[in-house]
């Protein structure tokens, strides 16, 4: 069984990343798989922000 608390903390850390942070992670990734992972995180965080903007009719 996985350590749910540990992964909840990782989630909180990831969702607090700024766009500059994800860019740095992508640029410094050691493998293509790692780079793709960080790009997906950046895309996810952007989608969350876009969803909030649409929900608030701020566009």
PDB file of N, CA and C in Angstrom:
ATOM      1  N   UNK A   1       0.843  -1.180   0.000  1.00  0.00           N
ATOM      2  CA  UNK A   1       0.000   0.000   0.000  1.00  0.00           C
ATOM      3  C   UNK A   1       0.887   1.242   0.000  1.00  0.00           C
ATOM      4  N   UNK A   2       0.489   2.257  -0.764  1.00  0.00           N
ATOM      5  CA  UNK A   2       1.314   3.461  -0.862  1.00  0.00           C
ATOM      6  C   UNK A   2       1.075   4.385   0.336  1.00  0.00           C
ATOM      7  N   UNK A   3       2.017   5.266   0.528  1.00  0.00           N
ATOM      8  CA  UNK A   3       1.958   6.243   1.607  1.00  0.00           C
ATOM      9  C   UNK A   3       1.175   7.464   1.099  1.00  0.00           C
ATOM     10  N   UNK A   4      -0.120   7.477   1.334  1.00  0.00           N
ATOM     11  CA  UNK A   4      -1.004   8.509   0.811  1.00  0.00           C
ATOM     12  C   UNK A   4      -0.573   9.896   1.290  1.00  0.00           C
ATOM     13  N   UNK A   5      -0.200  10.013   2.533  1.00  0.00           N
ATOM     14  CA  UNK A   5       0.216  11.305   3.081  1.00  0.00           C
ATOM     15  C   UNK A   5       1.421  11.848   2.317  1.00  0.00           C
ATOM     16  N   UNK A   6       2.364  10.982   2.003  1.00  0.00           N
ATOM     17  CA  UNK A   6       3.557  11.386   1.250  1.00  0.00           C
ATOM     18  C   UNK A   6       3.163  11.950  -0.115  1.00  0.00           C
ATOM     19  N   UNK A   7       2.251  11.268  -0.800  1.00  0.00           N
ATOM     20  CA  UNK A   7       1.843  11.719  -2.127  1.00  0.00           C
ATOM     21  C   UNK A   7       0.966  12.966  -2.069  1.00  0.00           C
ATOM     22  N   UNK A   8       0.210  13.133  -1.001  1.00  0.00           N
ATOM     23  CA  UNK A   8      -0.537  14.379  -0.825  1.00  0.00           C
ATOM     24  C   UNK A   8       0.417  15.564  -0.685  1.00  0.00           C
ATOM     25  N   UNK A   9       1.511  15.360   0.025  1.00  0.00           N
ATOM     26  CA  UNK A   9       2.524  16.416   0.164  1.00  0.00           C
ATOM     27  C   UNK A   9       3.189  16.722  -1.179  1.00  0.00           C
ATOM     28  N   UNK A  10       3.471  15.680  -1.941  1.00  0.00           N
ATOM     29  CA  UNK A  10       4.057  15.881  -3.281  1.00  0.00           C
ATOM     30  C   UNK A  10       3.090  16.674  -4.149  1.00  0.00           C
ATOM     31  N   UNK A  11       1.812  16.329  -4.092  1.00  0.00           N
ATOM     32  CA  UNK A  11       0.797  17.047  -4.859  1.00  0.00           C
ATOM     33  C   UNK A  11       0.779  18.528  -4.483  1.00  0.00           C
ATOM     34  N   UNK A  12       0.806  18.818  -3.186  1.00  0.00           N
ATOM     35  CA  UNK A  12       0.815  20.209  -2.729  1.00  0.00           C
ATOM     36  C   UNK A  12       2.046  20.946  -3.234  1.00  0.00           C
ATOM     37  N   UNK A  13       3.190  20.290  -3.198  1.00  0.00           N
ATOM     38  CA  UNK A  13       4.422  20.903  -3.700  1.00  0.00           C
ATOM     39  C   UNK A  13       4.322  21.182  -5.199  1.00  0.00           C
ATOM     40  N   UNK A  14       3.818  20.221  -5.932  1.00  0.00           N
ATOM     41  CA  UNK A  14       3.718  20.374  -7.385  1.00  0.00           C
ATOM     42  C   UNK A  14       2.738  21.479  -7.758  1.00  0.00           C
ATOM     43  N   UNK A  15       1.585  21.535  -7.086  1.00  0.00           N
ATOM     44  CA  UNK A  15       0.588  22.542  -7.445  1.00  0.00           C
ATOM     45  C   UNK A  15       0.999  23.951  -7.030  1.00  0.00           C
ATOM     46  N   UNK A  16       2.051  24.081  -6.247  1.00  0.00           N
ATOM     47  CA  UNK A  16       2.532  25.417  -5.882  1.00  0.00           C
ATOM     48  C   UNK A  16       3.627  25.912  -6.827  1.00  0.00           C
ATOM     49  N   UNK A  17       3.991  25.107  -7.816  1.00  0.00           N
ATOM     50  CA  UNK A  17       5.026  25.515  -8.767  1.00  0.00           C
ATOM     51  C   UNK A  17       4.541  26.676  -9.624  1.00  0.00           C
ATOM     52  N   UNK A  18       5.464  27.554  -9.948  1.00  0.00           N
ATOM     53  CA  UNK A  18       5.197  28.664 -10.853  1.00  0.00           C
ATOM     54  C   UNK A  18       5.639  28.254 -12.259  1.00  0.00           C
ATOM     55  N   UNK A  19       5.150  28.940 -13.301  1.00  0.00           N
ATOM     56  CA  UNK A  19       5.564  28.597 -14.664  1.00  0.00           C
ATOM     57  C   UNK A  19       7.088  28.587 -14.854  1.00  0.00           C
ATOM     58  N   UNK A  20       7.765  29.515 -14.195  1.00  0.00           N
ATOM     59  CA  UNK A  20       9.225  29.560 -14.306  1.00  0.00           C
ATOM     60  C   UNK A  20       9.862  28.297 -13.720  1.00  0.00           C
ATOM     61  N   UNK A  21       9.242  27.784 -12.669  1.00  0.00           N
ATOM     62  CA  UNK A  21       9.753  26.575 -12.028  1.00  0.00           C
ATOM     63  C   UNK A  21       9.633  25.371 -12.958  1.00  0.00           C
ATOM     64  N   UNK A  22       8.473  25.224 -13.587  1.00  0.00           N
ATOM     65  CA  UNK A  22       8.298  24.078 -14.475  1.00  0.00           C
ATOM     66  C   UNK A  22       9.208  24.200 -15.690  1.00  0.00           C
ATOM     67  N   UNK A  23       9.416  25.414 -16.178  1.00  0.00           N
ATOM     68  CA  UNK A  23      10.343  25.617 -17.292  1.00  0.00           C
ATOM     69  C   UNK A  23      11.753  25.195 -16.902  1.00  0.00           C
ATOM     70  N   UNK A  24      12.181  25.586 -15.722  1.00  0.00           N
ATOM     71  CA  UNK A  24      13.508  25.201 -15.243  1.00  0.00           C
ATOM     72  C   UNK A  24      13.626  23.684 -15.135  1.00  0.00           C
ATOM     73  N   UNK A  25      12.587  23.049 -14.618  1.00  0.00           N
ATOM     74  CA  UNK A  25      12.598  21.591 -14.505  1.00  0.00           C
ATOM     75  C   UNK A  25      12.705  20.933 -15.875  1.00  0.00           C
ATOM     76  N   UNK A  26      11.979  21.458 -16.854  1.00  0.00           N
ATOM     77  CA  UNK A  26      12.037  20.916 -18.215  1.00  0.00           C
ATOM     78  C   UNK A  26      13.438  21.088 -18.792  1.00  0.00           C
ATOM     79  N   UNK A  27      13.979  22.278 -18.648  1.00  0.00           N
ATOM     80  CA  UNK A  27      15.295  22.569 -19.229  1.00  0.00           C
ATOM     81  C   UNK A  27      16.419  21.751 -18.581  1.00  0.00           C
ATOM     82  N   UNK A  28      16.261  21.411 -17.330  1.00  0.00           N
ATOM     83  CA  UNK A  28      17.309  20.687 -16.623  1.00  0.00           C
ATOM     84  C   UNK A  28      17.022  19.190 -16.464  1.00  0.00           C
ATOM     85  N   UNK A  29      15.985  18.713 -17.134  1.00  0.00           N
ATOM     86  CA  UNK A  29      15.642  17.293 -17.058  1.00  0.00           C
ATOM     87  C   UNK A  29      16.786  16.453 -17.622  1.00  0.00           C
ATOM     88  N   UNK A  30      17.033  15.333 -16.976  1.00  0.00           N
ATOM     89  CA  UNK A  30      18.143  14.472 -17.383  1.00  0.00           C
ATOM     90  C   UNK A  30      17.765  13.502 -18.486  1.00  0.00           C
ATOM     91  N   UNK A  31      16.468  13.184 -18.607  1.00  0.00           N
ATOM     92  CA  UNK A  31      16.026  12.251 -19.649  1.00  0.00           C
ATOM     93  C   UNK A  31      14.812  12.833 -20.373  1.00  0.00           C
ATOM     94  N   UNK A  32      14.522  12.276 -21.542  1.00  0.00           N
ATOM     95  CA  UNK A  32      13.338  12.702 -22.280  1.00  0.00           C
ATOM     96  C   UNK A  32      12.065  12.384 -21.512  1.00  0.00           C
ATOM     97  N   UNK A  33      12.058  11.263 -20.822  1.00  0.00           N
ATOM     98  CA  UNK A  33      10.884  10.873 -20.033  1.00  0.00           C
ATOM     99  C   UNK A  33      10.643  11.881 -18.908  1.00  0.00           C
ATOM    100  N   UNK A  34      11.707  12.285 -18.250  1.00  0.00           N
ATOM    101  CA  UNK A  34      11.602  13.277 -17.178  1.00  0.00           C
ATOM    102  C   UNK A  34      11.128  14.610 -17.753  1.00  0.00           C
ATOM    103  N   UNK A  35      11.669  14.990 -18.892  1.00  0.00           N
ATOM    104  CA  UNK A  35      11.274  16.239 -19.547  1.00  0.00           C
ATOM    105  C   UNK A  35       9.785  16.212 -19.875  1.00  0.00           C
ATOM    106  N   UNK A  36       9.325  15.108 -20.434  1.00  0.00           N
ATOM    107  CA  UNK A  36       7.912  14.957 -20.775  1.00  0.00           C
ATOM    108  C   UNK A  36       7.038  15.047 -19.528  1.00  0.00           C
ATOM    109  N   UNK A  37       7.483  14.436 -18.449  1.00  0.00           N
ATOM    110  CA  UNK A  37       6.744  14.478 -17.184  1.00  0.00           C
ATOM    111  C   UNK A  37       6.574  15.926 -16.710  1.00  0.00           C
ATOM    112  N   UNK A  38       7.652  16.698 -16.712  1.00  0.00           N
ATOM    113  CA  UNK A  38       7.577  18.087 -16.257  1.00  0.00           C
ATOM    114  C   UNK A  38       6.748  18.943 -17.208  1.00  0.00           C
ATOM    115  N   UNK A  39       6.798  18.646 -18.503  1.00  0.00           N
ATOM    116  CA  UNK A  39       5.956  19.368 -19.455  1.00  0.00           C
ATOM    117  C   UNK A  39       4.486  19.093 -19.173  1.00  0.00           C
ATOM    118  N   UNK A  40       4.171  17.852 -18.847  1.00  0.00           N
ATOM    119  CA  UNK A  40       2.785  17.496 -18.526  1.00  0.00           C
ATOM    120  C   UNK A  40       2.325  18.205 -17.253  1.00  0.00           C
ATOM    121  N   UNK A  41       3.190  18.325 -16.286  1.00  0.00           N
ATOM    122  CA  UNK A  41       2.845  19.054 -15.065  1.00  0.00           C
ATOM    123  C   UNK A  41       2.572  20.520 -15.392  1.00  0.00           C
ATOM    124  N   UNK A  42       3.442  21.120 -16.197  1.00  0.00           N
ATOM    125  CA  UNK A  42       3.247  22.517 -16.603  1.00  0.00           C
ATOM    126  C   UNK A  42       1.926  22.703 -17.330  1.00  0.00           C
ATOM    127  N   UNK A  43       1.602  21.771 -18.232  1.00  0.00           N
ATOM    128  CA  UNK A  43       0.336  21.837 -18.963  1.00  0.00           C
ATOM    129  C   UNK A  43      -0.848  21.717 -18.008  1.00  0.00           C
ATOM    130  N   UNK A  44      -0.750  20.783 -17.071  1.00  0.00           N
ATOM    131  CA  UNK A  44      -1.817  20.595 -16.091  1.00  0.00           C
ATOM    132  C   UNK A  44      -2.050  21.874 -15.284  1.00  0.00           C
ATOM    133  N   UNK A  45      -0.976  22.470 -14.800  1.00  0.00           N
ATOM    134  CA  UNK A  45      -1.116  23.681 -13.981  1.00  0.00           C
ATOM    135  C   UNK A  45      -1.702  24.828 -14.798  1.00  0.00           C
ATOM    136  N   UNK A  46      -1.331  24.933 -16.068  1.00  0.00           N
ATOM    137  CA  UNK A  46      -1.900  25.953 -16.941  1.00  0.00           C
ATOM    138  C   UNK A  46      -3.390  25.712 -17.150  1.00  0.00           C
ATOM    139  N   UNK A  47      -3.783  24.459 -17.353  1.00  0.00           N
ATOM    140  CA  UNK A  47      -5.196  24.127 -17.539  1.00  0.00           C
ATOM    141  C   UNK A  47      -6.015  24.471 -16.306  1.00  0.00           C
ATOM    142  N   UNK A  48      -5.469  24.244 -15.133  1.00  0.00           N
ATOM    143  CA  UNK A  48      -6.170  24.584 -13.887  1.00  0.00           C
ATOM    144  C   UNK A  48      -6.402  26.096 -13.830  1.00  0.00           C
ATOM    145  N   UNK A  49      -5.375  26.874 -14.166  1.00  0.00           N
ATOM    146  CA  UNK A  49      -5.523  28.337 -14.144  1.00  0.00           C
ATOM    147  C   UNK A  49      -6.530  28.794 -15.188  1.00  0.00           C
ATOM    148  N   UNK A  50      -6.495  28.197 -16.378  1.00  0.00           N
ATOM    149  CA  UNK A  50      -7.437  28.556 -17.430  1.00  0.00           C
ATOM    150  C   UNK A  50      -8.867  28.245 -16.995  1.00  0.00           C
ATOM    151  N   UNK A  51      -9.067  27.120 -16.359  1.00  0.00           N
ATOM    152  CA  UNK A  51     -10.395  26.731 -15.892  1.00  0.00           C
ATOM    153  C   UNK A  51     -10.933  27.757 -14.893  1.00  0.00           C
ATOM    154  N   UNK A  52     -10.070  28.208 -13.994  1.00  0.00           N
ATOM    155  CA  UNK A  52     -10.492  29.207 -12.994  1.00  0.00           C
ATOM    156  C   UNK A  52     -10.879  30.517 -13.661  1.00  0.00           C
ATOM    157  N   UNK A  53     -10.114  30.916 -14.665  1.00  0.00           N
ATOM    158  CA  UNK A  53     -10.412  32.158 -15.386  1.00  0.00           C
ATOM    159  C   UNK A  53     -11.763  32.041 -16.086  1.00  0.00           C
ATOM    160  N   UNK A  54     -12.014  30.931 -16.743  1.00  0.00           N
ATOM    161  CA  UNK A  54     -13.283  30.729 -17.442  1.00  0.00           C
ATOM    162  C   UNK A  54     -14.438  30.701 -16.450  1.00  0.00           C
ATOM    163  N   UNK A  55     -14.263  30.018 -15.331  1.00  0.00           N
ATOM    164  CA  UNK A  55     -15.322  29.936 -14.333  1.00  0.00           C
ATOM    165  C   UNK A  55     -15.691  31.312 -13.788  1.00  0.00           C
ATOM    166  N   UNK A  56     -14.715  32.192 -13.700  1.00  0.00           N
ATOM    167  CA  UNK A  56     -14.960  33.542 -13.162  1.00  0.00           C
ATOM    168  C   UNK A  56     -15.304  34.552 -14.252  1.00  0.00           C
ATOM    169  N   UNK A  57     -15.428  34.095 -15.490  1.00  0.00           N
ATOM    170  CA  UNK A  57     -15.736  34.969 -16.632  1.00  0.00           C
ATOM    171  C   UNK A  57     -14.739  36.126 -16.728  1.00  0.00           C
ATOM    172  N   UNK A  58     -13.471  35.829 -16.537  1.00  0.00           N
ATOM    173  CA  UNK A  58     -12.443  36.868 -16.573  1.00  0.00           C
ATOM    174  C   UNK A  58     -11.748  36.969 -17.928  1.00  0.00           C
ATOM    175  N   UNK A  59     -12.203  36.222 -18.909  1.00  0.00           N
ATOM    176  CA  UNK A  59     -11.538  36.244 -20.206  1.00  0.00           C
ATOM    177  C   UNK A  59     -12.120  37.292 -21.114  1.00  0.00           C
TER     178      UNK A  59
END
